[in-house]
Amino acid sequence: MPKKRKKNRKAPHKPAAVRTAPTQYTGPEQADWDDAPEEEFNPLASLKDRFPTPADAVKTVQAGEEVEWIGSVEGAKMRHRVVLTDNGEALVEQAVFLDGALEQMVLCAAHQAGEHGRDELRTGVLAALDVLHAVIRPMTETDVREFQPGYTAAVLESFQEAPEPHGPGTPVFGWRTFHSVGPSTTWDDTIDTATWNSSTVMSGFLGDSDDVPELQPLQLARVLRDHGVPVILCAVCGDPLTDRHPRWNGVWVSPGNDTGPLCEPPVPALQLPDPRLGWLTDAEFGHPHQPAPTTD
């Protein structure tokens, strides 16, 4: 098991792992989590290697080629890409996508909503994301101000895109902001630090969301339900559930459980001694998920 990360929760997060497009670039392997990095790694290095400034990248986009970086900084997937508006204005989009429990809840809710309920699902998720952004932004802004007095975080917009080709078929949701591109704009000018750091808050991987009530599973499910998103949680393990997955129709399954349709309660119902020969007992069969009533 890896060692628990030592971190300064309020400092801007250091990059950890990166995937890029269109150029394929991988950052150095992550060192032991308790070891100080030997050198600072810039996750946008692949973009800077190809295009010294965003203005240089704009010329490539105007010629019809896509310029984007997709990666992560110890948290949710993020995207940096150069876009052109209908009137020809050049912008750099900075986007953060769903992660952690929120992504799992939306995925299950999408299956529950079905094709006929997708429009209502999109409207509800976008409205819930607006609420969550209003909660997260002041916190991440305050954190950054400890290092950058006078800093004001960007106000993000919630957005959705068509499902990606190799994803689960659910619309892609997230938050984004746009940065104007001028002759003197640098890549660092296109990074809003609070937006960057919100990716780790949403993932829950580093524990950055532990002090945010709205991001705890029960409260998070309530925020989504308040906007018409059909979230169902397991009464035993708390995982988000659906019984309308095409491969498990009629069976309560969760994307948050490695055993698929099985649930592992905190205290197994069968307390059996280890077998003398072999490894498995009857308790290995697990238990079915049990949907909790949605009374809130």
C-alpha atoms as a PDB file:
ATOM      1  CA  MET A   1       0.000   0.000   0.000  1.00  0.00           C
ATOM      2  CA  PRO A   2       1.323   3.482  -0.791  1.00  0.00           C
ATOM      3  CA  LYS A   3       2.208   5.793   2.044  1.00  0.00           C
ATOM      4  CA  LYS A   4      -0.260   8.465   2.995  1.00  0.00           C
ATOM      5  CA  ARG A   5       0.486  11.727   1.241  1.00  0.00           C
ATOM      6  CA  LYS A   6       1.938  14.566   3.237  1.00  0.00           C
ATOM      7  CA  LYS A   7       0.462  17.730   1.848  1.00  0.00           C
ATOM      8  CA  ASN A   8      -0.148  21.402   2.481  1.00  0.00           C
ATOM      9  CA  ARG A   9      -3.836  21.572   1.709  1.00  0.00           C
ATOM     10  CA  LYS A  10      -3.792  25.346   1.226  1.00  0.00           C
ATOM     11  CA  ALA A  11      -0.860  25.551  -1.172  1.00  0.00           C
ATOM     12  CA  PRO A  12      -1.428  25.394  -4.941  1.00  0.00           C
ATOM     13  CA  HIS A  13      -1.171  21.697  -5.789  1.00  0.00           C
ATOM     14  CA  LYS A  14       1.872  20.287  -7.512  1.00  0.00           C
ATOM     15  CA  PRO A  15       1.327  18.318 -10.719  1.00  0.00           C
ATOM     16  CA  ALA A  16       1.539  14.557 -10.549  1.00  0.00           C
ATOM     17  CA  ALA A  17       0.506  12.794 -13.741  1.00  0.00           C
ATOM     18  CA  VAL A  18      -0.246  14.072 -17.206  1.00  0.00           C
ATOM     19  CA  ARG A  19      -1.685  12.868 -20.484  1.00  0.00           C
ATOM     20  CA  THR A  20      -1.585  15.232 -23.415  1.00  0.00           C
ATOM     21  CA  ALA A  21      -3.115  15.609 -26.828  1.00  0.00           C
ATOM     22  CA  PRO A  22      -2.375  15.910 -29.680  1.00  0.00           C
ATOM     23  CA  THR A  23       1.237  15.213 -28.691  1.00  0.00           C
ATOM     24  CA  GLN A  24       1.686  12.215 -26.446  1.00  0.00           C
ATOM     25  CA  TYR A  25       3.747  13.220 -23.414  1.00  0.00           C
ATOM     26  CA  THR A  26       4.076  11.562 -20.040  1.00  0.00           C
ATOM     27  CA  GLY A  27       5.580  13.271 -17.028  1.00  0.00           C
ATOM     28  CA  PRO A  28       8.219  11.638 -14.862  1.00  0.00           C
ATOM     29  CA  GLU A  29       7.096   8.768 -12.696  1.00  0.00           C
ATOM     30  CA  GLN A  30       5.718   9.940  -9.394  1.00  0.00           C
ATOM     31  CA  ALA A  31       8.215   9.437  -6.599  1.00  0.00           C
ATOM     32  CA  ASP A  32       7.357   7.993  -3.229  1.00  0.00           C
ATOM     33  CA  TRP A  33       4.597  10.246  -1.879  1.00  0.00           C
ATOM     34  CA  ASP A  34       6.631  11.184   1.191  1.00  0.00           C
ATOM     35  CA  ASP A  35       9.669  12.184  -0.872  1.00  0.00           C
ATOM     36  CA  ALA A  36      10.189  15.765  -2.017  1.00  0.00           C
ATOM     37  CA  PRO A  37      10.194  16.027  -5.834  1.00  0.00           C
ATOM     38  CA  GLU A  38      13.627  16.523  -7.312  1.00  0.00           C
ATOM     39  CA  GLU A  39      12.351  19.148  -9.726  1.00  0.00           C
ATOM     40  CA  GLU A  40       9.128  20.978 -10.414  1.00  0.00           C
ATOM     41  CA  PHE A  41       7.150  19.479 -13.278  1.00  0.00           C
ATOM     42  CA  ASN A  42       5.041  21.725 -15.484  1.00  0.00           C
ATOM     43  CA  PRO A  43       1.957  19.836 -16.710  1.00  0.00           C
ATOM     44  CA  LEU A  44       1.606  22.149 -19.710  1.00  0.00           C
ATOM     45  CA  ALA A  45       5.171  21.420 -20.818  1.00  0.00           C
ATOM     46  CA  SER A  46       3.963  19.582 -23.919  1.00  0.00           C
ATOM     47  CA  LEU A  47       2.039  22.643 -25.071  1.00  0.00           C
ATOM     48  CA  LYS A  48       4.954  24.955 -24.307  1.00  0.00           C
ATOM     49  CA  ASP A  49       7.328  22.668 -26.182  1.00  0.00           C
ATOM     50  CA  ARG A  50       5.234  22.922 -29.337  1.00  0.00           C
ATOM     51  CA  PHE A  51       3.968  26.474 -28.909  1.00  0.00           C
ATOM     52  CA  PRO A  52       6.017  28.988 -26.880  1.00  0.00           C
ATOM     53  CA  THR A  53       2.917  31.163 -26.381  1.00  0.00           C
ATOM     54  CA  PRO A  54      -0.860  30.694 -26.765  1.00  0.00           C
ATOM     55  CA  ALA A  55      -0.724  33.095 -29.724  1.00  0.00           C
ATOM     56  CA  ASP A  56       1.521  30.598 -31.514  1.00  0.00           C
ATOM     57  CA  ALA A  57      -1.019  27.845 -30.830  1.00  0.00           C
ATOM     58  CA  VAL A  58      -3.842  30.006 -32.206  1.00  0.00           C
ATOM     59  CA  LYS A  59      -2.216  29.966 -35.639  1.00  0.00           C
ATOM     60  CA  THR A  60      -2.283  26.168 -35.621  1.00  0.00           C
ATOM     61  CA  VAL A  61      -5.954  26.102 -34.616  1.00  0.00           C
ATOM     62  CA  GLN A  62      -6.777  28.615 -37.341  1.00  0.00           C
ATOM     63  CA  ALA A  63      -5.154  26.189 -39.774  1.00  0.00           C
ATOM     64  CA  GLY A  64      -7.587  23.470 -38.658  1.00  0.00           C
ATOM     65  CA  GLU A  65      -5.513  21.476 -36.139  1.00  0.00           C
ATOM     66  CA  GLU A  66      -6.669  20.811 -32.560  1.00  0.00           C
ATOM     67  CA  VAL A  67      -4.468  22.069 -29.735  1.00  0.00           C
ATOM     68  CA  GLU A  68      -5.269  20.749 -26.277  1.00  0.00           C
ATOM     69  CA  TRP A  69      -3.811  19.306 -23.085  1.00  0.00           C
ATOM     70  CA  ILE A  70      -5.739  16.720 -21.058  1.00  0.00           C
ATOM     71  CA  GLY A  71      -4.321  15.619 -17.734  1.00  0.00           C
ATOM     72  CA  SER A  72      -4.636  15.576 -13.973  1.00  0.00           C
ATOM     73  CA  VAL A  73      -2.926  17.134 -10.984  1.00  0.00           C
ATOM     74  CA  GLU A  74      -3.653  14.653  -8.183  1.00  0.00           C
ATOM     75  CA  GLY A  75      -7.352  15.011  -8.902  1.00  0.00           C
ATOM     76  CA  ALA A  76     -10.048  15.210 -11.541  1.00  0.00           C
ATOM     77  CA  LYS A  77      -9.286  15.269 -15.246  1.00  0.00           C
ATOM     78  CA  MET A  78      -8.701  18.748 -16.639  1.00  0.00           C
ATOM     79  CA  ARG A  79      -8.438  20.208 -20.122  1.00  0.00           C
ATOM     80  CA  HIS A  80      -6.593  23.167 -21.607  1.00  0.00           C
ATOM     81  CA  ARG A  81      -7.453  23.867 -25.231  1.00  0.00           C
ATOM     82  CA  VAL A  82      -7.376  26.734 -27.692  1.00  0.00           C
ATOM     83  CA  VAL A  83     -10.755  27.592 -29.184  1.00  0.00           C
ATOM     84  CA  LEU A  84     -12.029  30.155 -31.680  1.00  0.00           C
ATOM     85  CA  THR A  85     -15.360  31.910 -31.186  1.00  0.00           C
ATOM     86  CA  ASP A  86     -17.817  32.478 -34.027  1.00  0.00           C
ATOM     87  CA  ASN A  87     -16.405  35.982 -34.505  1.00  0.00           C
ATOM     88  CA  GLY A  88     -12.851  34.668 -34.660  1.00  0.00           C
ATOM     89  CA  GLU A  89     -11.740  35.617 -31.138  1.00  0.00           C
ATOM     90  CA  ALA A  90      -9.066  33.287 -29.728  1.00  0.00           C
ATOM     91  CA  LEU A  91      -9.548  31.886 -26.212  1.00  0.00           C
ATOM     92  CA  VAL A  92      -7.974  29.245 -24.011  1.00  0.00           C
ATOM     93  CA  GLU A  93     -10.539  27.068 -22.274  1.00  0.00           C
ATOM     94  CA  GLN A  94      -9.626  25.790 -18.800  1.00  0.00           C
ATOM     95  CA  ALA A  95     -12.000  22.991 -17.792  1.00  0.00           C
ATOM     96  CA  VAL A  96     -12.384  20.622 -14.838  1.00  0.00           C
ATOM     97  CA  PHE A  97     -14.479  17.459 -15.170  1.00  0.00           C
ATOM     98  CA  LEU A  98     -16.461  15.449 -12.641  1.00  0.00           C
ATOM     99  CA  ASP A  99     -14.649  12.948 -10.479  1.00  0.00           C
ATOM    100  CA  GLY A 100     -15.083  10.811  -7.384  1.00  0.00           C
ATOM    101  CA  ALA A 101     -18.510  10.263  -5.852  1.00  0.00           C
ATOM    102  CA  LEU A 102     -20.090  12.994  -7.966  1.00  0.00           C
ATOM    103  CA  GLU A 103     -19.092  11.314 -11.229  1.00  0.00           C
ATOM    104  CA  GLN A 104     -20.371   7.955  -9.968  1.00  0.00           C
ATOM    105  CA  MET A 105     -23.700   9.434  -8.850  1.00  0.00           C
ATOM    106  CA  VAL A 106     -24.283  11.172 -12.169  1.00  0.00           C
ATOM    107  CA  LEU A 107     -23.383   8.012 -14.090  1.00  0.00           C
ATOM    108  CA  CYS A 108     -25.869   5.897 -12.129  1.00  0.00           C
ATOM    109  CA  ALA A 109     -28.532   8.614 -12.321  1.00  0.00           C
ATOM    110  CA  ALA A 110     -28.112   8.736 -16.096  1.00  0.00           C
ATOM    111  CA  HIS A 111     -28.914   5.020 -16.305  1.00  0.00           C
ATOM    112  CA  GLN A 112     -31.917   5.517 -14.021  1.00  0.00           C
ATOM    113  CA  ALA A 113     -33.181   8.445 -16.091  1.00  0.00           C
ATOM    114  CA  GLY A 114     -32.952   6.530 -19.344  1.00  0.00           C
ATOM    115  CA  GLU A 115     -33.107   8.057 -22.808  1.00  0.00           C
ATOM    116  CA  HIS A 116     -36.443   9.763 -22.167  1.00  0.00           C
ATOM    117  CA  GLY A 117     -35.129  11.515 -19.079  1.00  0.00           C
ATOM    118  CA  ARG A 118     -31.780  12.711 -20.449  1.00  0.00           C
ATOM    119  CA  ASP A 119     -32.906  16.317 -21.034  1.00  0.00           C
ATOM    120  CA  GLU A 120     -34.125  16.635 -17.457  1.00  0.00           C
ATOM    121  CA  LEU A 121     -30.920  14.968 -16.250  1.00  0.00           C
ATOM    122  CA  ARG A 122     -28.734  17.494 -18.089  1.00  0.00           C
ATOM    123  CA  THR A 123     -30.716  20.433 -16.734  1.00  0.00           C
ATOM    124  CA  GLY A 124     -30.622  19.072 -13.188  1.00  0.00           C
ATOM    125  CA  VAL A 125     -26.913  18.223 -13.180  1.00  0.00           C
ATOM    126  CA  LEU A 126     -25.945  21.641 -14.554  1.00  0.00           C
ATOM    127  CA  ALA A 127     -28.044  23.371 -11.888  1.00  0.00           C
ATOM    128  CA  ALA A 128     -26.491  21.223  -9.148  1.00  0.00           C
ATOM    129  CA  LEU A 129     -23.006  21.999 -10.467  1.00  0.00           C
ATOM    130  CA  ASP A 130     -23.765  25.706 -10.162  1.00  0.00           C
ATOM    131  CA  VAL A 131     -24.620  25.150  -6.494  1.00  0.00           C
ATOM    132  CA  LEU A 132     -21.463  23.133  -5.864  1.00  0.00           C
ATOM    133  CA  HIS A 133     -19.283  25.716  -7.582  1.00  0.00           C
ATOM    134  CA  ALA A 134     -20.735  28.416  -5.328  1.00  0.00           C
ATOM    135  CA  VAL A 135     -19.595  26.292  -2.366  1.00  0.00           C
ATOM    136  CA  ILE A 136     -16.131  25.354  -3.648  1.00  0.00           C
ATOM    137  CA  ARG A 137     -14.994  28.647  -5.206  1.00  0.00           C
ATOM    138  CA  PRO A 138     -14.799  30.777  -2.021  1.00  0.00           C
ATOM    139  CA  MET A 139     -12.850  28.030  -0.261  1.00  0.00           C
ATOM    140  CA  THR A 140     -10.267  27.568  -3.009  1.00  0.00           C
ATOM    141  CA  GLU A 141      -9.993  31.329  -3.480  1.00  0.00           C
ATOM    142  CA  THR A 142      -9.247  31.831   0.214  1.00  0.00           C
ATOM    143  CA  ASP A 143      -6.609  29.104   0.105  1.00  0.00           C
ATOM    144  CA  VAL A 144      -4.774  30.753  -2.784  1.00  0.00           C
ATOM    145  CA  ARG A 145      -4.881  34.186  -1.111  1.00  0.00           C
ATOM    146  CA  GLU A 146      -2.545  32.893   1.569  1.00  0.00           C
ATOM    147  CA  PHE A 147       0.116  32.854  -1.146  1.00  0.00           C
ATOM    148  CA  GLN A 148      -1.259  35.497  -3.529  1.00  0.00           C
ATOM    149  CA  PRO A 149      -2.864  38.371  -1.579  1.00  0.00           C
ATOM    150  CA  GLY A 150      -5.578  40.102  -3.554  1.00  0.00           C
ATOM    151  CA  TYR A 151      -6.218  37.057  -5.743  1.00  0.00           C
ATOM    152  CA  THR A 152      -9.757  36.657  -7.085  1.00  0.00           C
ATOM    153  CA  ALA A 153     -10.803  33.307  -8.518  1.00  0.00           C
ATOM    154  CA  ALA A 154     -12.531  32.997 -11.859  1.00  0.00           C
ATOM    155  CA  VAL A 155     -16.265  32.373 -11.846  1.00  0.00           C
ATOM    156  CA  LEU A 156     -16.788  29.085 -13.662  1.00  0.00           C
ATOM    157  CA  GLU A 157     -19.688  28.044 -15.837  1.00  0.00           C
ATOM    158  CA  SER A 158     -21.173  24.569 -15.705  1.00  0.00           C
ATOM    159  CA  PHE A 159     -21.212  22.786 -19.045  1.00  0.00           C
ATOM    160  CA  GLN A 160     -21.948  19.471 -20.685  1.00  0.00           C
ATOM    161  CA  GLU A 161     -20.724  17.787 -23.838  1.00  0.00           C
ATOM    162  CA  ALA A 162     -21.769  14.762 -25.845  1.00  0.00           C
ATOM    163  CA  PRO A 163     -20.554  11.406 -24.510  1.00  0.00           C
ATOM    164  CA  GLU A 164     -16.989  10.583 -25.432  1.00  0.00           C
ATOM    165  CA  PRO A 165     -16.442   7.631 -27.824  1.00  0.00           C
ATOM    166  CA  HIS A 166     -14.973   5.218 -25.258  1.00  0.00           C
ATOM    167  CA  GLY A 167     -16.878   6.372 -22.179  1.00  0.00           C
ATOM    168  CA  PRO A 168     -20.019   4.925 -20.572  1.00  0.00           C
ATOM    169  CA  GLY A 169     -22.370   6.810 -22.900  1.00  0.00           C
ATOM    170  CA  THR A 170     -23.215   9.471 -20.321  1.00  0.00           C
ATOM    171  CA  PRO A 171     -22.943  13.171 -21.210  1.00  0.00           C
ATOM    172  CA  VAL A 172     -19.670  14.683 -20.026  1.00  0.00           C
ATOM    173  CA  PHE A 173     -20.116  17.370 -17.346  1.00  0.00           C
ATOM    174  CA  GLY A 174     -17.784  19.868 -15.741  1.00  0.00           C
ATOM    175  CA  TRP A 175     -16.898  23.488 -15.029  1.00  0.00           C
ATOM    176  CA  ARG A 176     -14.902  25.839 -17.230  1.00  0.00           C
ATOM    177  CA  THR A 177     -13.622  29.344 -17.751  1.00  0.00           C
ATOM    178  CA  PHE A 178     -12.103  31.082 -20.766  1.00  0.00           C
ATOM    179  CA  HIS A 179      -8.936  33.179 -20.963  1.00  0.00           C
ATOM    180  CA  SER A 180      -8.437  35.778 -23.681  1.00  0.00           C
ATOM    181  CA  VAL A 181      -5.361  35.403 -25.885  1.00  0.00           C
ATOM    182  CA  GLY A 182      -3.289  38.397 -26.918  1.00  0.00           C
ATOM    183  CA  PRO A 183       0.199  38.862 -28.372  1.00  0.00           C
ATOM    184  CA  SER A 184       1.788  38.942 -24.897  1.00  0.00           C
ATOM    185  CA  THR A 185      -0.333  36.207 -23.232  1.00  0.00           C
ATOM    186  CA  THR A 186       1.681  33.374 -21.657  1.00  0.00           C
ATOM    187  CA  TRP A 187       0.496  29.871 -20.845  1.00  0.00           C
ATOM    188  CA  ASP A 188       0.718  30.745 -17.142  1.00  0.00           C
ATOM    189  CA  ASP A 189      -1.795  33.542 -17.796  1.00  0.00           C
ATOM    190  CA  THR A 190      -4.303  30.864 -18.849  1.00  0.00           C
ATOM    191  CA  ILE A 191      -4.267  29.037 -15.514  1.00  0.00           C
ATOM    192  CA  ASP A 192      -6.678  30.111 -12.790  1.00  0.00           C
ATOM    193  CA  THR A 193      -5.199  28.548  -9.664  1.00  0.00           C
ATOM    194  CA  ALA A 194      -8.488  28.036  -7.806  1.00  0.00           C
ATOM    195  CA  THR A 195      -9.924  26.236 -10.832  1.00  0.00           C
ATOM    196  CA  TRP A 196      -6.810  24.069 -10.931  1.00  0.00           C
ATOM    197  CA  ASN A 197      -7.043  23.256  -7.215  1.00  0.00           C
ATOM    198  CA  SER A 198     -10.776  22.545  -7.351  1.00  0.00           C
ATOM    199  CA  SER A 199      -9.940  19.377  -9.283  1.00  0.00           C
ATOM    200  CA  THR A 200      -8.442  17.799  -6.168  1.00  0.00           C
ATOM    201  CA  VAL A 201     -11.398  18.927  -4.047  1.00  0.00           C
ATOM    202  CA  MET A 202     -13.814  17.207  -6.408  1.00  0.00           C
ATOM    203  CA  SER A 203     -11.868  13.956  -6.580  1.00  0.00           C
ATOM    204  CA  GLY A 204     -11.706  13.527  -2.793  1.00  0.00           C
ATOM    205  CA  PHE A 205      -8.443  11.627  -3.315  1.00  0.00           C
ATOM    206  CA  LEU A 206      -6.349  13.821  -1.024  1.00  0.00           C
ATOM    207  CA  GLY A 207      -9.062  14.459   1.537  1.00  0.00           C
ATOM    208  CA  ASP A 208      -9.464  18.079   0.431  1.00  0.00           C
ATOM    209  CA  SER A 209     -13.254  17.707   0.452  1.00  0.00           C
ATOM    210  CA  ASP A 210     -13.463  16.272   3.979  1.00  0.00           C
ATOM    211  CA  ASP A 211     -14.468  19.626   5.463  1.00  0.00           C
ATOM    212  CA  VAL A 212     -17.043  20.472   2.783  1.00  0.00           C
ATOM    213  CA  PRO A 213     -20.485  19.245   3.942  1.00  0.00           C
ATOM    214  CA  GLU A 214     -22.040  19.484   0.463  1.00  0.00           C
ATOM    215  CA  LEU A 215     -19.448  17.066  -0.911  1.00  0.00           C
ATOM    216  CA  GLN A 216     -20.142  14.284   1.583  1.00  0.00           C
ATOM    217  CA  PRO A 217     -22.096  11.422  -0.043  1.00  0.00           C
ATOM    218  CA  LEU A 218     -25.464  11.926   1.654  1.00  0.00           C
ATOM    219  CA  GLN A 219     -25.438  15.701   1.267  1.00  0.00           C
ATOM    220  CA  LEU A 220     -24.107  15.470  -2.286  1.00  0.00           C
ATOM    221  CA  ALA A 221     -26.903  13.081  -3.230  1.00  0.00           C
ATOM    222  CA  ARG A 222     -29.396  15.501  -1.683  1.00  0.00           C
ATOM    223  CA  VAL A 223     -28.078  18.423  -3.744  1.00  0.00           C
ATOM    224  CA  LEU A 224     -28.510  16.384  -6.920  1.00  0.00           C
ATOM    225  CA  ARG A 225     -31.982  15.140  -5.964  1.00  0.00           C
ATOM    226  CA  ASP A 226     -33.073  18.691  -5.149  1.00  0.00           C
ATOM    227  CA  HIS A 227     -32.506  19.406  -8.838  1.00  0.00           C
ATOM    228  CA  GLY A 228     -34.312  16.342 -10.112  1.00  0.00           C
ATOM    229  CA  VAL A 229     -31.317  14.057 -10.601  1.00  0.00           C
ATOM    230  CA  PRO A 230     -32.449  10.498  -9.656  1.00  0.00           C
ATOM    231  CA  VAL A 231     -29.628   9.455  -7.319  1.00  0.00           C
ATOM    232  CA  ILE A 232     -30.045   6.210  -5.360  1.00  0.00           C
ATOM    233  CA  LEU A 233     -27.556   5.089  -2.707  1.00  0.00           C
ATOM    234  CA  CYS A 234     -27.025   1.670  -1.161  1.00  0.00           C
ATOM    235  CA  ALA A 235     -28.437   1.466   2.364  1.00  0.00           C
ATOM    236  CA  VAL A 236     -25.515  -0.730   3.438  1.00  0.00           C
ATOM    237  CA  CYS A 237     -22.331   0.563   1.781  1.00  0.00           C
ATOM    238  CA  GLY A 238     -23.489   3.979   0.550  1.00  0.00           C
ATOM    239  CA  ASP A 239     -22.394   3.451  -3.067  1.00  0.00           C
ATOM    240  CA  PRO A 240     -24.500   5.039  -5.829  1.00  0.00           C
ATOM    241  CA  LEU A 241     -26.681   2.442  -7.542  1.00  0.00           C
ATOM    242  CA  THR A 242     -28.568   1.706 -10.720  1.00  0.00           C
ATOM    243  CA  ASP A 243     -30.693  -1.289 -11.693  1.00  0.00           C
ATOM    244  CA  ARG A 244     -30.887  -0.218 -15.353  1.00  0.00           C
ATOM    245  CA  HIS A 245     -27.370  -0.893 -16.548  1.00  0.00           C
ATOM    246  CA  PRO A 246     -27.655  -2.694 -19.915  1.00  0.00           C
ATOM    247  CA  ARG A 247     -25.476  -5.586 -18.729  1.00  0.00           C
ATOM    248  CA  TRP A 248     -27.155  -5.882 -15.313  1.00  0.00           C
ATOM    249  CA  ASN A 249     -30.771  -4.993 -15.988  1.00  0.00           C
ATOM    250  CA  GLY A 250     -32.824  -5.519 -12.836  1.00  0.00           C
ATOM    251  CA  VAL A 251     -29.752  -5.944 -10.597  1.00  0.00           C
ATOM    252  CA  TRP A 252     -28.585  -3.142  -8.304  1.00  0.00           C
ATOM    253  CA  VAL A 253     -24.972  -2.427  -9.319  1.00  0.00           C
ATOM    254  CA  SER A 254     -22.487   0.320  -8.590  1.00  0.00           C
ATOM    255  CA  PRO A 255     -19.450   1.693 -10.469  1.00  0.00           C
ATOM    256  CA  GLY A 256     -17.784   2.291  -7.104  1.00  0.00           C
ATOM    257  CA  ASN A 257     -17.464  -1.374  -6.145  1.00  0.00           C
ATOM    258  CA  ASP A 258     -14.869  -3.665  -7.700  1.00  0.00           C
ATOM    259  CA  THR A 259     -17.131  -6.686  -7.237  1.00  0.00           C
ATOM    260  CA  GLY A 260     -19.865  -5.317  -9.505  1.00  0.00           C
ATOM    261  CA  PRO A 261     -23.305  -6.305  -8.232  1.00  0.00           C
ATOM    262  CA  LEU A 262     -22.041  -7.379  -4.829  1.00  0.00           C
ATOM    263  CA  CYS A 263     -21.911  -5.279  -1.681  1.00  0.00           C
ATOM    264  CA  GLU A 264     -19.523  -5.768   1.217  1.00  0.00           C
ATOM    265  CA  PRO A 265     -21.091  -4.569   4.504  1.00  0.00           C
ATOM    266  CA  PRO A 266     -18.848  -3.010   7.168  1.00  0.00           C
ATOM    267  CA  VAL A 267     -19.393  -6.129   9.311  1.00  0.00           C
ATOM    268  CA  PRO A 268     -19.800  -9.326   7.261  1.00  0.00           C
ATOM    269  CA  ALA A 269     -22.957 -11.230   8.066  1.00  0.00           C
ATOM    270  CA  LEU A 270     -21.025 -14.481   8.157  1.00  0.00           C
ATOM    271  CA  GLN A 271     -18.148 -14.617  10.660  1.00  0.00           C
ATOM    272  CA  LEU A 272     -16.513 -17.844   9.578  1.00  0.00           C
ATOM    273  CA  PRO A 273     -13.064 -19.106  10.553  1.00  0.00           C
ATOM    274  CA  ASP A 274     -10.447 -19.417   7.837  1.00  0.00           C
ATOM    275  CA  PRO A 275     -10.503 -22.830   6.132  1.00  0.00           C
ATOM    276  CA  ARG A 276      -7.688 -25.234   6.886  1.00  0.00           C
ATOM    277  CA  LEU A 277      -7.287 -26.105   3.208  1.00  0.00           C
ATOM    278  CA  GLY A 278      -7.787 -23.511   0.489  1.00  0.00           C
ATOM    279  CA  TRP A 279      -8.630 -19.840   0.998  1.00  0.00           C
ATOM    280  CA  LEU A 280     -12.349 -19.270   0.393  1.00  0.00           C
ATOM    281  CA  THR A 281     -15.300 -19.412   2.787  1.00  0.00           C
ATOM    282  CA  ASP A 282     -19.010 -18.980   2.174  1.00  0.00           C
ATOM    283  CA  ALA A 283     -18.641 -15.303   3.113  1.00  0.00           C
ATOM    284  CA  GLU A 284     -16.762 -14.702  -0.167  1.00  0.00           C
ATOM    285  CA  PHE A 285     -20.078 -14.634  -2.023  1.00  0.00           C
ATOM    286  CA  GLY A 286     -20.773 -11.128  -0.744  1.00  0.00           C
ATOM    287  CA  HIS A 287     -24.208  -9.553  -0.476  1.00  0.00           C
ATOM    288  CA  PRO A 288     -26.567  -7.803  -2.871  1.00  0.00           C
ATOM    289  CA  HIS A 289     -26.814  -4.002  -2.798  1.00  0.00           C
ATOM    290  CA  GLN A 290     -29.864  -2.672  -1.005  1.00  0.00           C
ATOM    291  CA  PRO A 291     -31.225   0.666  -2.305  1.00  0.00           C
ATOM    292  CA  ALA A 292     -31.985   3.129   0.481  1.00  0.00           C
ATOM    293  CA  PRO A 293     -35.336   4.951   0.439  1.00  0.00           C
ATOM    294  CA  THR A 294     -35.079   8.447  -1.018  1.00  0.00           C
ATOM    295  CA  THR A 295     -37.054  10.463   1.484  1.00  0.00           C
ATOM    296  CA  ASP A 296     -35.106  13.730   1.230  1.00  0.00           C
END
